[in-house]
Amino acid sequence: MMRGNLVWALAVTAGVLSGALAPAAAGADLKLATVSMERLFDEYHRTQTFNADLKKRAAALEGKRDQLVLEAKSRQRALETVAEEARDRSLSDSERDRKKRDAEEAYARARSAEEAVVEFDRSEKRRFSEEMREAQQELVKEIRAVIREYAAQKGFTLVLDVSGKTLNGVEAVVYSDPGFEITGPVLEILNKKGK
C-alpha cells in the first residue's frame, strides 16, 4: 500500500515539476527556492501570540467545564441520598412514596446536569476547533503573501515547502541545496512587520 502511494506521489510530483519546468524548456529561466512552512508558522510572532491566547481560552473553557462537572457530581450525590432514603423500610408508605417522587426529580436534575456537560463538550469543542482552524488559515495566508512578495522581488519562479509530507508521511522534498533556502529571510520579514 505504501509503495503504491509513494509511486502515485512521485508521479504527481513529476507531473507538477514537468509542468513547472515546461517554461524552462521554452527558454524561460527557472529559479527555485525552498522554505519550511512548519518553521515559518511556528516562529511567526503572530502564531506565538495566537498560541498564548489559545492557551488562555482553553483554560477558561476548562474552568467552565469543571464547574459543570462539579454540578453533575453534586446532583448525582443528591440523587443517591434521596434514592437511599426512598428504600428505607422504616418509613411509612406515604413518606416512602414522597421520597420516591423526590428521587425521580433528583434523577431528572442529575440527568440534565450530565447532558449539560456532554453538550458543552460537543458545542465548545466544535466552536473552538473552527475558530482555531480559521485563525491558522489566516496566519498561513499572511505567510504565503510574504513568500510570494519575497519570491517576486528575488525573481524566484517556484518555491517548494521542504517541511511538507506526502500521504505516507515521507518528506515531499527529499533533498534540496541549502543555498535555495529562503526561510530565514522570509521569517525576518514576517516578524519585522509585527514590530
Foldseek 3Di string as FASTA:
>chain_A
DVVVLVVVLVVVVVVVVCVLCVVVVVPDDAAEFEEALVCLLVLQVVNVVVVVVLVVVVVVLVVVLVVLVVQLVVLVVVLVVLVVVLPDPVDDPVVSVVSVVVSVVSVVSNVVSVVVSVVSCVVVVVVSVVVVVVVSVVSSVVLVVLVVVVCVVVVHSYYYHQNDAGPSRHGSDPDDDCVRYDHVVSSVVSNVVVD
